[in-house]
Structure formats: C-alpha cells, structure tokens
Protein backbone atom coordinates (compact mmCIF):
# COMPACT_ATOMS: atom_id res chain seq x y z
CA MET A 1 105.71 55.64 -41.43
CA GLY A 2 102.68 56.32 -43.59
CA GLY A 3 100.62 53.50 -45.03
CA GLY A 4 101.47 51.77 -48.28
CA LEU A 5 100.17 49.53 -51.03
CA LEU A 6 101.78 47.84 -54.04
CA ILE A 7 99.75 47.53 -57.25
CA ALA A 8 101.11 44.54 -59.20
CA GLY A 9 99.78 43.10 -62.45
CA THR A 10 99.33 39.74 -64.10
CA THR A 11 101.12 41.14 -67.20
CA SER A 12 102.57 44.30 -68.61
CA ASP A 13 99.79 46.70 -69.67
CA ALA A 14 97.31 45.12 -67.25
CA GLY A 15 96.49 48.61 -65.99
CA LYS A 16 98.87 49.09 -63.06
CA SER A 17 99.73 52.68 -63.98
CA VAL A 18 96.14 53.87 -64.31
CA VAL A 19 94.94 52.00 -61.21
CA THR A 20 97.80 53.53 -59.22
CA ALA A 21 96.90 56.97 -60.54
CA GLY A 22 93.22 56.39 -59.81
CA ILE A 23 93.92 55.39 -56.21
CA CYS A 24 96.14 58.46 -55.79
CA ARG A 25 93.40 60.77 -57.08
CA TRP A 26 90.71 59.05 -54.97
CA LEU A 27 92.84 59.37 -51.82
CA VAL A 28 93.82 62.99 -52.33
CA ARG A 29 90.16 63.90 -52.84
CA ARG A 30 89.54 62.34 -49.39
CA GLY A 31 92.17 64.63 -47.90
CA VAL A 32 94.92 62.01 -47.73
CA LYS A 33 98.47 63.22 -48.41
CA VAL A 34 99.59 60.61 -50.93
CA ALA A 35 102.55 60.00 -53.27
CA PRO A 36 103.20 57.50 -56.07
CA PHE A 37 106.29 55.29 -56.28
CA LYS A 38 107.86 52.87 -58.75
CA GLY A 39 111.20 51.42 -57.76
CA GLN A 40 112.28 50.62 -61.30
CA ASN A 41 110.65 51.68 -64.54
CA MET A 42 111.51 50.73 -68.12
CA SER A 43 110.25 53.43 -70.43
CA LEU A 44 111.19 55.68 -73.31
CA ASN A 45 108.61 58.20 -72.12
CA SER A 46 110.27 60.27 -69.43
CA PHE A 47 109.90 63.64 -67.74
CA VAL A 48 112.17 66.19 -66.07
CA THR A 49 111.34 67.25 -62.52
CA ARG A 50 111.87 70.79 -61.27
CA GLU A 51 115.16 69.77 -59.66
CA GLY A 52 116.36 68.53 -63.06
CA ALA A 53 115.93 64.77 -62.50
CA GLU A 54 114.67 62.38 -65.17
CA ILE A 55 111.84 60.02 -64.17
CA GLY A 56 109.19 57.99 -65.99
CA ARG A 57 106.29 60.02 -67.37
CA ALA A 58 103.86 57.60 -65.74
CA GLN A 59 105.16 58.58 -62.30
CA ALA A 60 104.93 62.27 -63.21
CA MET A 61 101.33 61.67 -64.25
CA GLN A 62 100.63 59.80 -60.99
CA ALA A 63 102.16 62.68 -59.02
CA GLN A 64 99.76 65.01 -60.80
CA ALA A 65 96.94 62.66 -59.83
CA ALA A 66 98.13 62.94 -56.22
CA ARG A 67 98.45 66.75 -56.61
CA VAL A 68 102.09 66.76 -55.59
CA GLU A 69 105.28 67.82 -57.35
CA PRO A 70 107.10 64.85 -58.95
CA THR A 71 110.59 64.08 -57.64
CA ALA A 72 113.33 61.53 -58.30
CA LEU A 73 112.29 59.71 -55.09
CA MET A 74 109.16 58.53 -56.90
CA ASN A 75 111.15 56.63 -59.58
CA PRO A 76 114.72 56.03 -58.40
CA VAL A 77 115.68 53.63 -61.23
CA LEU A 78 114.69 54.28 -64.85
CA LEU A 79 115.80 52.06 -67.73
CA LYS A 80 115.72 53.60 -71.21
CA PRO A 81 116.07 50.92 -73.89
CA GLY A 82 118.62 51.56 -76.62
CA SER A 83 118.13 48.16 -78.23
CA ASP A 84 116.51 44.82 -77.48
CA ARG A 85 119.47 43.92 -75.26
CA SER A 86 120.70 47.08 -73.57
CA SER A 87 119.40 50.14 -71.76
CA GLN A 88 120.65 53.38 -70.34
CA VAL A 89 120.40 53.23 -66.56
CA VAL A 90 119.13 56.42 -64.91
CA LEU A 91 119.70 56.40 -61.15
CA MET A 92 118.05 59.07 -58.99
CA GLY A 93 117.34 61.09 -62.12
CA ARG A 94 120.86 60.98 -63.59
CA PRO A 95 122.26 58.61 -66.25
CA VAL A 96 125.02 56.35 -64.90
CA GLY A 97 125.78 54.38 -68.05
CA GLU A 98 124.61 51.80 -70.54
CA LEU A 99 124.12 48.19 -69.46
CA SER A 100 123.27 44.96 -71.21
CA ALA A 101 120.28 43.07 -69.84
CA ARG A 102 122.63 40.34 -68.59
CA GLY A 103 124.77 42.88 -66.81
CA PHE A 104 121.84 44.62 -65.16
CA PHE A 105 120.08 41.47 -64.05
CA GLY A 106 123.14 40.04 -62.39
CA ALA A 107 125.45 38.35 -64.90
CA ALA A 108 129.11 38.72 -64.10
CA GLY A 109 131.48 40.88 -66.10
CA GLY A 110 129.29 43.91 -66.82
CA PRO A 111 130.77 46.96 -68.59
CA ALA A 112 132.17 50.03 -66.88
CA ALA A 113 128.68 51.36 -66.22
CA GLY A 114 128.01 48.23 -64.22
CA GLN A 115 130.73 49.19 -61.76
CA ALA A 116 128.61 52.18 -60.77
CA LEU A 117 125.88 49.67 -59.92
CA ALA A 118 128.04 47.52 -57.65
CA GLY A 119 129.31 45.33 -60.47
CA GLY A 120 126.18 45.57 -62.58
CA ARG A 121 123.93 43.59 -60.25
CA ARG A 122 120.41 44.92 -59.95
CA GLU A 123 119.92 43.60 -56.43
CA ALA A 124 122.58 46.09 -55.26
CA LEU A 125 119.96 48.80 -55.92
CA LEU A 126 117.40 47.36 -53.51
CA GLY A 127 118.83 49.38 -50.61
CA PRO A 128 118.68 52.77 -52.39
CA VAL A 129 115.20 51.96 -53.72
CA LEU A 130 113.96 51.10 -50.23
CA ASP A 131 115.57 54.26 -48.84
CA CYS A 132 113.55 56.33 -51.34
CA LEU A 133 110.37 54.50 -50.41
CA ALA A 134 111.04 54.99 -46.70
CA GLU A 135 111.66 58.71 -47.23
CA LEU A 136 108.35 59.06 -49.04
CA ARG A 137 106.51 57.06 -46.37
CA GLY A 138 108.00 59.34 -43.75
CA ALA A 139 106.64 62.42 -45.52
CA TYR A 140 103.21 61.21 -46.72
CA ASP A 141 100.15 59.59 -45.20
CA ALA A 142 100.22 56.92 -47.90
CA VAL A 143 102.49 55.80 -50.74
CA ILE A 144 100.92 53.87 -53.61
CA CYS A 145 103.59 51.79 -55.33
CA GLU A 146 103.40 50.42 -58.84
CA GLY A 147 105.02 47.14 -59.79
CA ALA A 148 106.47 46.25 -63.19
CA GLY A 149 105.50 43.44 -65.54
CA SER A 150 104.38 40.52 -63.37
CA PRO A 151 105.46 39.66 -59.81
CA ALA A 152 105.64 36.00 -60.91
CA GLU A 153 108.66 36.42 -63.21
CA ILE A 154 110.39 33.57 -61.40
CA ASN A 155 113.57 33.92 -63.45
CA LEU A 156 114.04 37.46 -62.09
CA ARG A 157 112.79 37.09 -58.51
CA ARG A 158 116.25 36.86 -56.96
CA THR A 159 117.14 40.35 -58.16
CA ASP A 160 113.67 41.94 -57.90
CA ILE A 161 113.58 45.57 -56.76
CA VAL A 162 110.16 46.59 -58.04
CA ASN A 163 107.60 43.87 -57.24
CA MET A 164 107.73 41.36 -54.39
CA GLY A 165 111.29 42.38 -53.52
CA ILE A 166 110.17 45.73 -52.17
CA ALA A 167 106.83 44.38 -50.94
CA ARG A 168 108.66 41.81 -48.79
CA ALA A 169 111.30 44.26 -47.55
CA ALA A 170 108.80 47.04 -46.76
CA LYS A 171 106.00 44.67 -45.63
CA LEU A 172 103.57 46.13 -48.17
CA PRO A 173 100.21 44.55 -49.01
CA VAL A 174 99.87 43.68 -52.69
CA VAL A 175 96.86 43.90 -54.99
CA VAL A 176 97.19 42.21 -58.39
CA VAL A 177 95.48 43.83 -61.41
CA GLY A 178 94.33 41.71 -64.35
CA ASP A 179 93.11 42.83 -67.79
CA ILE A 180 89.94 40.86 -68.43
CA ASP A 181 89.66 42.35 -71.92
CA ARG A 182 92.49 40.02 -72.97
CA GLY A 183 90.76 36.97 -71.54
CA GLY A 184 92.05 34.40 -69.07
CA VAL A 185 91.94 36.72 -66.09
CA PHE A 186 91.01 34.05 -63.51
CA ALA A 187 93.79 31.73 -64.64
CA SER A 188 96.17 34.70 -64.55
CA PHE A 189 95.20 35.63 -60.99
CA PHE A 190 95.48 32.05 -59.76
CA GLY A 191 98.70 31.30 -61.65
CA THR A 192 100.38 34.53 -60.55
CA THR A 193 99.64 33.74 -56.91
CA ALA A 194 100.57 30.06 -57.15
CA LEU A 195 104.01 30.83 -58.61
CA LEU A 196 105.03 32.94 -55.61
CA SER A 197 106.87 31.67 -52.56
CA PRO A 198 104.91 31.26 -49.31
CA GLU A 199 106.52 34.45 -47.95
CA ASP A 200 105.50 36.43 -51.03
CA GLN A 201 102.01 34.93 -51.16
CA ALA A 202 101.42 36.10 -47.59
CA LEU A 203 101.51 39.69 -48.89
CA VAL A 204 99.10 39.20 -51.83
CA ALA A 205 95.83 40.43 -50.38
CA GLY A 206 93.70 40.07 -53.51
CA TYR A 207 92.84 41.24 -56.98
CA VAL A 208 91.34 43.98 -59.16
CA VAL A 209 89.64 43.10 -62.46
CA ASN A 210 90.34 45.80 -65.05
CA LYS A 211 88.63 46.71 -68.37
CA PHE A 212 85.44 44.72 -67.83
CA ARG A 213 82.67 45.04 -70.42
CA GLY A 214 79.11 43.86 -69.92
CA ASP A 215 76.93 42.69 -67.05
CA VAL A 216 78.98 42.39 -63.87
CA THR A 217 76.55 39.83 -62.41
CA LEU A 218 77.83 37.35 -65.02
CA LEU A 219 81.30 37.69 -63.51
CA GLU A 220 80.29 37.26 -59.88
CA PRO A 221 80.26 33.42 -59.83
CA GLY A 222 83.88 33.45 -61.05
CA ILE A 223 84.82 35.97 -58.37
CA GLU A 224 83.33 33.72 -55.71
CA MET A 225 85.12 30.66 -57.09
CA LEU A 226 88.40 32.60 -57.15
CA ARG A 227 87.92 33.49 -53.51
CA GLY A 228 87.28 29.85 -52.70
CA LEU A 229 90.40 28.76 -54.57
CA THR A 230 92.74 31.43 -53.19
CA GLY A 231 91.13 32.73 -50.00
CA ARG A 232 91.57 36.25 -51.34
CA HIS A 233 89.25 39.20 -51.87
CA THR A 234 88.58 40.94 -55.19
CA TYR A 235 88.87 44.65 -54.44
CA GLY A 236 87.15 45.93 -57.54
CA ILE A 237 85.78 45.28 -61.02
CA LEU A 238 86.67 48.34 -63.08
CA PRO A 239 84.72 48.90 -66.30
CA TYR A 240 86.40 49.50 -69.65
CA ALA A 241 86.83 53.26 -70.00
CA HIS A 242 87.29 54.76 -73.47
CA GLY A 243 89.44 57.75 -74.29
CA LEU A 244 91.44 58.10 -71.08
CA GLY A 245 94.58 59.01 -73.02
CA ILE A 246 96.81 58.63 -69.96
CA ASP A 247 100.56 58.60 -70.64
CA GLU A 248 101.86 55.35 -72.04
CA GLU A 249 105.00 53.91 -70.47
CA ASP A 250 106.81 52.10 -73.22
CA GLY A 251 107.42 53.50 -76.68
CA LEU A 252 108.90 50.17 -77.78
CA ARG A 253 105.46 48.63 -77.50
CA VAL A 254 103.85 51.06 -79.92
CA SER A 255 102.87 49.00 -82.94
CA MET A 256 102.53 50.05 -86.56
CA ARG A 257 98.76 49.80 -86.71
CA GLY A 258 98.60 53.20 -88.38
CA ALA A 259 96.49 54.79 -85.67
CA VAL A 260 98.04 53.85 -82.34
CA ARG A 261 96.58 56.73 -80.40
CA GLU A 262 94.13 58.11 -82.94
CA SER A 263 92.08 60.84 -81.39
CA VAL A 264 88.30 60.88 -81.31
CA VAL A 265 87.35 63.09 -84.23
CA THR A 266 85.68 66.09 -82.60
CA PRO A 267 83.84 68.42 -84.99
CA PRO A 268 86.19 71.21 -86.09
CA VAL A 269 85.54 74.85 -85.32
CA GLY A 270 86.47 75.84 -88.88
CA ARG A 271 85.44 74.19 -92.12
CA ASP A 272 88.33 71.70 -92.31
CA VAL A 273 89.93 69.12 -90.09
CA LEU A 274 93.71 69.05 -89.68
CA ARG A 275 95.47 65.74 -90.34
CA ILE A 276 98.71 65.08 -88.48
CA ALA A 277 101.00 62.13 -89.23
CA VAL A 278 103.60 61.07 -86.65
CA CYS A 279 106.53 59.04 -87.99
CA ALA A 280 106.71 55.95 -85.77
CA VAL A 281 110.51 55.89 -85.69
CA PRO A 282 112.45 53.12 -83.89
CA LEU A 283 112.99 53.65 -80.15
CA MET A 284 110.39 56.41 -80.25
CA SER A 285 110.49 58.45 -77.04
CA ASN A 286 108.07 60.91 -75.50
CA PHE A 287 105.48 60.34 -78.20
CA THR A 288 103.05 61.82 -75.67
CA ASP A 289 104.19 65.18 -77.10
CA VAL A 290 101.38 64.85 -79.66
CA ASP A 291 98.65 64.22 -77.08
CA ALA A 292 97.99 67.94 -76.86
CA LEU A 293 97.46 68.06 -80.64
CA ALA A 294 95.03 65.14 -80.49
CA ALA A 295 93.07 66.98 -77.78
CA GLU A 296 92.17 69.78 -80.21
CA PRO A 297 88.72 69.58 -81.84
CA GLY A 298 89.07 68.80 -85.52
CA VAL A 299 92.63 67.44 -85.26
CA VAL A 300 93.26 63.81 -86.21
CA VAL A 301 96.59 62.26 -85.18
CA ARG A 302 97.92 59.04 -86.72
CA PHE A 303 101.18 57.14 -86.27
CA VAL A 304 102.57 56.07 -89.65
CA ASP A 305 105.46 54.08 -91.14
CA ARG A 306 104.96 54.36 -94.92
CA PRO A 307 105.65 57.33 -97.23
CA GLU A 308 102.20 57.18 -98.84
CA GLU A 309 100.70 57.88 -95.42
CA LEU A 310 102.34 61.31 -95.43
CA THR A 311 100.77 62.49 -98.68
CA ASP A 312 97.47 63.69 -97.20
CA ALA A 313 98.96 64.92 -93.91
CA ASP A 314 98.80 68.64 -93.18
CA LEU A 315 101.61 68.32 -90.64
CA VAL A 316 104.23 65.61 -90.23
CA VAL A 317 105.82 65.25 -86.79
CA VAL A 318 109.17 63.49 -86.41
CA PRO A 319 109.18 62.68 -82.68
CA GLY A 320 111.92 62.02 -80.16
CA THR A 321 113.94 58.82 -80.26
CA ARG A 322 116.63 57.09 -78.19
CA GLY A 323 118.36 56.23 -81.46
CA THR A 324 118.71 59.30 -83.69
CA VAL A 325 121.06 57.68 -86.22
CA ARG A 326 119.05 54.46 -86.26
CA ALA A 327 115.85 56.48 -86.86
CA LEU A 328 117.58 58.36 -89.68
CA GLU A 329 118.53 55.10 -91.38
CA TRP A 330 114.97 53.80 -90.90
CA LEU A 331 113.47 56.90 -92.53
CA ARG A 332 115.76 56.48 -95.52
CA GLU A 333 115.17 52.74 -95.87
CA ARG A 334 111.40 53.19 -95.88
CA GLY A 335 111.29 56.11 -98.27
CA LEU A 336 110.03 58.48 -95.59
CA ALA A 337 113.17 60.65 -95.79
CA ALA A 338 112.56 61.38 -99.46
CA GLU A 339 108.93 62.24 -98.75
CA LEU A 340 109.97 64.62 -95.93
CA ALA A 341 112.40 66.35 -98.32
CA ARG A 342 109.63 66.64 -100.91
CA ARG A 343 107.30 68.18 -98.35
CA ALA A 344 109.91 70.71 -97.27
CA ALA A 345 110.56 71.70 -100.91
CA GLU A 346 106.81 72.21 -101.41
CA GLY A 347 106.50 74.35 -98.26
CA ARG A 348 104.38 71.78 -96.42
CA PRO A 349 104.75 71.70 -92.60
CA VAL A 350 107.18 69.40 -90.77
CA LEU A 351 107.97 69.51 -87.05
CA GLY A 352 110.97 67.73 -85.51
CA ILE A 353 111.12 67.30 -81.73
CA CYS A 354 114.34 66.38 -79.90
CA GLY A 355 115.80 63.40 -81.83
CA GLY A 356 113.46 64.29 -84.69
CA PHE A 357 114.92 67.80 -84.71
CA GLN A 358 118.47 66.41 -84.73
CA LEU A 359 117.95 64.21 -87.77
CA LEU A 360 116.38 67.09 -89.73
CA GLY A 361 119.75 68.88 -89.51
CA GLY A 362 122.62 68.72 -91.95
CA HIS A 363 125.22 66.83 -89.96
CA ILE A 364 125.42 64.55 -86.90
CA GLU A 365 128.57 63.64 -85.00
CA ASP A 366 127.73 60.72 -82.74
CA ASP A 367 130.41 58.89 -80.78
CA VAL A 368 128.08 58.41 -77.81
CA GLU A 369 124.61 57.03 -78.61
CA SER A 370 125.16 55.00 -81.80
CA LYS A 371 128.95 55.43 -82.00
CA ALA A 372 128.42 55.87 -85.76
CA GLY A 373 130.76 58.86 -85.94
CA SER A 374 130.06 61.37 -88.70
CA VAL A 375 126.64 60.97 -90.34
CA ALA A 376 124.77 63.15 -92.85
CA GLY A 377 121.36 64.30 -91.67
CA LEU A 378 118.35 65.04 -93.86
CA GLY A 379 119.56 68.58 -94.46
CA LEU A 380 116.18 70.25 -93.97
CA LEU A 381 117.43 72.58 -91.22
CA PRO A 382 120.80 74.44 -90.92
CA VAL A 383 121.91 72.56 -87.82
CA ARG A 384 124.98 70.56 -86.80
CA VAL A 385 124.55 68.10 -83.92
CA ARG A 386 127.31 66.72 -81.72
CA PHE A 387 126.50 64.07 -79.16
CA ALA A 388 127.93 64.75 -75.70
CA ALA A 389 128.60 62.22 -72.97
CA GLY A 390 126.58 64.31 -70.51
CA LYS A 391 122.81 64.50 -70.82
CA THR A 392 120.94 67.80 -70.96
CA LEU A 393 118.04 67.75 -68.47
CA ALA A 394 116.22 71.05 -68.23
CA ARG A 395 112.84 72.77 -67.81
CA PRO A 396 113.10 75.77 -70.19
CA VAL A 397 110.62 78.61 -70.47
CA GLY A 398 110.52 80.90 -73.49
CA GLU A 399 108.39 82.51 -76.16
CA ALA A 400 107.39 81.57 -79.69
CA LEU A 401 104.81 82.98 -82.09
CA GLY A 402 104.11 85.68 -79.50
CA GLU A 403 103.10 83.20 -76.80
CA ARG A 404 104.74 81.95 -73.60
CA VAL A 405 105.99 78.36 -73.87
CA GLU A 406 107.11 75.85 -71.24
CA GLY A 407 108.85 72.58 -72.02
CA TYR A 408 111.45 70.09 -70.88
CA GLU A 409 114.67 68.81 -72.45
CA ILE A 410 116.17 65.29 -72.36
CA HIS A 411 118.99 64.77 -74.85
CA HIS A 412 122.67 64.01 -75.41
CA GLY A 413 122.78 65.81 -78.76
CA VAL A 414 124.03 69.41 -78.70
CA ALA A 415 122.68 71.46 -81.59
CA GLU A 416 124.64 74.24 -83.28
CA VAL A 417 122.09 76.33 -85.17
CA LEU A 418 123.75 77.91 -88.22
CA GLY A 419 120.84 79.86 -89.67
CA GLY A 420 117.09 80.12 -90.02
CA GLU A 421 114.63 81.79 -87.68
CA ALA A 422 115.03 81.14 -83.95
CA PHE A 423 112.41 78.75 -82.57
CA LEU A 424 112.46 77.41 -78.97
CA ASP A 425 116.27 77.12 -78.90
CA GLY A 426 116.04 75.37 -82.27
CA CYS A 427 115.16 76.93 -85.61
CA ARG A 428 112.62 77.28 -88.36
CA VAL A 429 113.18 77.45 -92.12
CA GLY A 430 109.98 78.06 -94.05
CA SER A 431 107.51 75.38 -93.00
CA VAL A 432 110.12 73.14 -91.31
CA TRP A 433 110.40 73.56 -87.55
CA GLY A 434 112.78 71.96 -85.08
CA THR A 435 113.25 72.08 -81.31
CA HIS A 436 114.66 70.02 -78.46
CA TRP A 437 111.73 71.05 -76.23
CA HIS A 438 109.34 68.26 -75.29
CA GLY A 439 105.93 69.29 -73.97
CA SER A 440 105.86 72.66 -75.72
CA LEU A 441 102.52 71.88 -77.39
CA GLU A 442 100.89 71.62 -73.96
CA SER A 443 101.15 75.45 -73.77
CA ASP A 444 97.67 76.33 -75.00
CA GLY A 445 98.29 79.74 -76.56
CA PHE A 446 101.38 78.61 -78.42
CA ARG A 447 99.67 75.44 -79.67
CA ARG A 448 96.81 77.48 -81.12
CA ARG A 449 99.17 79.90 -82.90
CA PHE A 450 101.26 77.01 -84.23
CA LEU A 451 98.20 75.18 -85.58
CA GLU A 452 96.98 78.38 -87.22
CA GLN A 453 100.34 78.67 -89.01
CA VAL A 454 100.25 75.01 -90.02
CA ALA A 455 96.72 75.44 -91.41
CA ARG A 456 97.81 78.45 -93.47
CA ASP A 457 100.85 76.63 -94.85
CA ALA A 458 98.75 73.54 -95.61
CA GLY A 459 95.94 75.54 -97.21
CA ARG A 460 93.36 74.28 -94.74
CA ARG A 461 90.41 76.25 -93.42
CA PHE A 462 91.05 74.92 -89.94
CA VAL A 463 90.45 77.09 -86.88
CA PRO A 464 91.75 76.04 -83.43
CA ALA A 465 89.13 76.00 -80.71
CA PRO A 466 89.57 79.15 -78.59
CA ASP A 467 89.02 77.44 -75.25
CA THR A 468 90.83 74.09 -75.33
CA SER A 469 92.94 73.75 -72.18
CA PHE A 470 95.20 70.71 -72.16
CA GLY A 471 95.77 71.09 -68.41
CA VAL A 472 92.03 71.08 -67.72
CA LEU A 473 91.52 68.05 -69.97
CA ARG A 474 94.29 66.17 -68.15
CA GLU A 475 92.70 66.97 -64.78
CA GLU A 476 89.37 65.70 -66.07
CA GLN A 477 91.03 62.45 -67.15
CA LEU A 478 92.64 62.01 -63.75
CA ASP A 479 89.31 62.68 -62.07
CA ARG A 480 87.78 59.96 -64.24
CA LEU A 481 90.40 57.56 -62.90
CA GLY A 482 89.55 58.60 -59.36
CA ASP A 483 85.87 58.05 -60.14
CA LEU A 484 86.60 54.52 -61.39
CA ILE A 485 88.14 53.63 -58.04
CA GLU A 486 85.54 55.42 -55.95
CA GLU A 487 82.57 53.94 -57.82
CA HIS A 488 83.78 50.44 -58.68
CA ALA A 489 86.31 49.41 -56.04
CA ASP A 490 85.85 48.30 -52.44
CA THR A 491 87.33 51.51 -51.08
CA ASP A 492 86.76 50.67 -47.41
CA ALA A 493 88.74 47.46 -47.85
CA LEU A 494 91.46 49.29 -49.77
CA LEU A 495 91.79 51.82 -46.97
CA ARG A 496 92.20 49.04 -44.43
CA LEU A 497 94.95 47.49 -46.54
CA ILE A 498 96.80 50.80 -46.84
CA GLU A 499 96.52 51.55 -43.14
CA GLN A 500 96.88 48.08 -41.61
CA GLY A 501 98.95 46.05 -44.08
CA PRO A 502 98.34 42.53 -45.42
CA PRO A 503 95.49 40.53 -43.83
CA ALA A 504 96.65 37.79 -41.51
CA GLY A 505 96.21 34.11 -42.32
CA LEU A 506 96.14 34.26 -46.13
CA PRO A 507 96.35 30.63 -47.37
CA PHE A 508 99.28 29.26 -49.38
CA ILE A 509 98.45 28.20 -52.96
CA PRO A 510 100.70 25.39 -54.23
CA PRO A 511 103.09 24.82 -55.86
CA GLY A 512 104.77 28.11 -54.91
CA ALA A 513 108.05 29.34 -56.36
CA PRO A 514 110.49 26.63 -57.43
C-alpha cells in the first residue's frame, strides 16, 4: 500500500480542498505518484470523468493538481442537494436515488432509494468507500484524502465515512486545517481534538493554519502554547492568497452579495469592458462555468438576484440548477423572468446552460425532479423539455462558431429542439443561446468567438485578448497552491506522516467524545 494522509478541517470552508490540491501538486512535482480522494462529498458542482462517472468538481481539480485522470474511485459517494432536507445520492458515479437526510444518516424507514444503500444507512457505504481507497493506495505512491465539514461532528460520528471513520479504518494520519481569517483558530484546533475519542485522537498528528495575514512571528507564541496544550505539531502557516479562483464545492453556500466571485478587473484589450450578470438561481450547480469568462481581460462577472442588476449587463447567464422548475418560479417571483424576456425582445444576449437552458424553453414536463408535471417555460427558445428518470452523463465534443468545443453533460432533462439555429446540441434564436454543455467556455477559441458575438450584439467595443488560455491559467493557480505548501509548510514532517503514519504516543486531550 502507498502512503496516505487525511486533511480534515475545523469547519466547512476551512481550506481542506485547496490544501489537499496543494499537497498533491507539491508531491507530483517531487516525482511522487499521487492521487486525491474524498469518500463522500456534498456538492452541486460536479464533473464527468472520461468513463462517464459523476464526481465532485473539487476532486477533478485535485486530480488535475496531481496530474492524473479523475475517476469515480476518487469520490465514491456524491450527495447533490435538492432541498434543505434531501439529496440525490450518486454512488460510484451513478445516481441511485433521492434520500432524506434522516434516511441517509441512519434513520429507519428510508424511501426506495434507501434500499439500494442497505436500508438507507450511510455506514453501509464504509466498506465500498474503503475498497476505493485501498485500490487507489495500491496503485499510487500516496493518496491525499480530504475530509468533509469537521471531524468533531459528534452527532454523526457513528455513521462517518469521510472523516475519522476512514482514518480509523485505514490507519491514516490526520492533519486539521483551520481558517484563521475567521478568528478563533486556536480554540477550534483544541476543541476539535478534545471532542474526539481517544482512538480518533491518536490519529490527529497536528494542524495547519490557513489564510494568515500579517507578521507570522506574532502567531508563534500561540503555536507553542497549542503544542504544549495538545502535544501536537503545527505543519504549516499558509498565508492568505488572493485570486486563486479554485473550484468551489457547494453552490448552496453562494450568497447574494452581488459579486460572489467577481473577477479582478484586468484592463481590456479593446475600448470597452464587458459586463456579465449571472442569475444566482436556487440550487445553482456548476457555477464554475463562468470562471473562464472571468479569466478574460476586461470581463467583469457578477452574481445577481434583482432585475435592476440586469439592466447594464452585456450578457446575462442563466446557469445550471438542481431545481429547474424551482428556479423558474424564483425568476418569475423576483421579476427576473420579465427582464430576461425584455432583453430577448431587444436582441440583448442571454445564455442558458443546462437547467438554465431548460427553463428558457417553451414547455417543461417534469415528473422526476420537482414532480410538478406540465410547466410553462419562459418561451425564449423553441424547446420542449421532458425529465427522464435516467441521468445523461457525457463528455461531448463538437463545433460552434467555427471553433472546436469540448464540454460535459449532467442532466435529467431531455430537450427536444423545435427550431432555431443549432448550437452545441441546443439552439440559438437571435441573441438567446441555450445548451446542456457545461465547461464549453473553457475552450479558448470558442470563448473568444462567443464574446466577440456578444460584444457586437451588446454594442460594446470589447475585444477578447488573443492569448488567454484558461488551461494555462488553471495550471498556474495549481502551481501557486503547490508553492504555498512548499514554501510555508513543514514538508519534511508531512512526508514522514505520509510515509510512516501517525506519530506514536500522541497525548489524549479530555474530555473526548461523549
């Protein structure tokens, strides 16, 4: 078996995903054959592997950091929220049904989908998850695992298959990441450790401080006191890094601040900037589709939820969603639907992607996702959509605007295109475009041609930069993550952990798990 390490966190968004990716990039640059792993992910941002399996986008990004092809082994269980209380369960890249939170976490009497998960109990998945981890460890020198949320969720420990559950079963050393930018990092480190059982604590080797700003010498006394209190090493103090733009995991957590992922305004090549508004629809999925737009010099991307925020936009994007009918109702309730119709009538550009494409059509028949039956769409594209029980998972390749395009598809809705101009298996009518293809804007030549067309339709003197490569920019971002680890972490100590496992004799911190 190859070596292993589990990166846990004091909270969600502590930085587990980026630290895992950074360690993968640092190791592969040292010549180590490394793979990422996350036993269970909850995310509306997903990706389709070459074998047609759906996994979290964060694991696909980490695989790119490790310079390996992503596979379903790297994320065997994916939960895709459909509401606050239920999620679609994707097992080894294939959906197996919808489960309530109570059903998935072990309550009796789960629905039919729960029967596919041994009665709906999450702990029944520990074996398959460990089998995937073992297969990866048999094929790679090292596997860097990412936890979920916090390992000290004591209400969920009995059924844990992603944090200390797999660490204990696979005898993995654990490093806990804390976000010091939020404050309270020392209390979080100590409290996280002290709420674990003695057996779990024996695997927690130490900590990584993430997003530190300022003079590190001011932090050192606290690091020494933490070591005295816990007997554990701090493996790194990573500085706050601006503009990483690495794939977010959870679309549900995107707020309505108006500029969730606003790009740095790079001087445009032409005389004008291009303003893009993304409708922050409920259950927004794969909103990373617009990252490639934000990477273009002179393009400003904002997430919006009010009709007045569309008035000065040169392009409005209606992104993917796990709730097409719900998003349609939301657009109408907020007045955004009327504004989209006004834009289309005026010949101003609108792009719908996946669920966004579906709701731009004339009619939706949904007895699967929302079970709403027959619903009228916005009527901006000549499309009828019928939701199928099976999910389309594909990696299409095609051509649009004279350029080669690659993408990926993740949807239950089947679109019947009744007119318009063909566009990436969808259609275009005037300045309204629709496609099921995620990731198409990462194809550099196509993105440039599309933005040129948008600029013409919007009357902007915007010129796309001739040399922007989204793939190169992504590699540069991943190298920055590798640099953070190499320059600010105790890499010798991390290597020992990966190769040798948890240090012996780590002290117990009371009170331990109840």
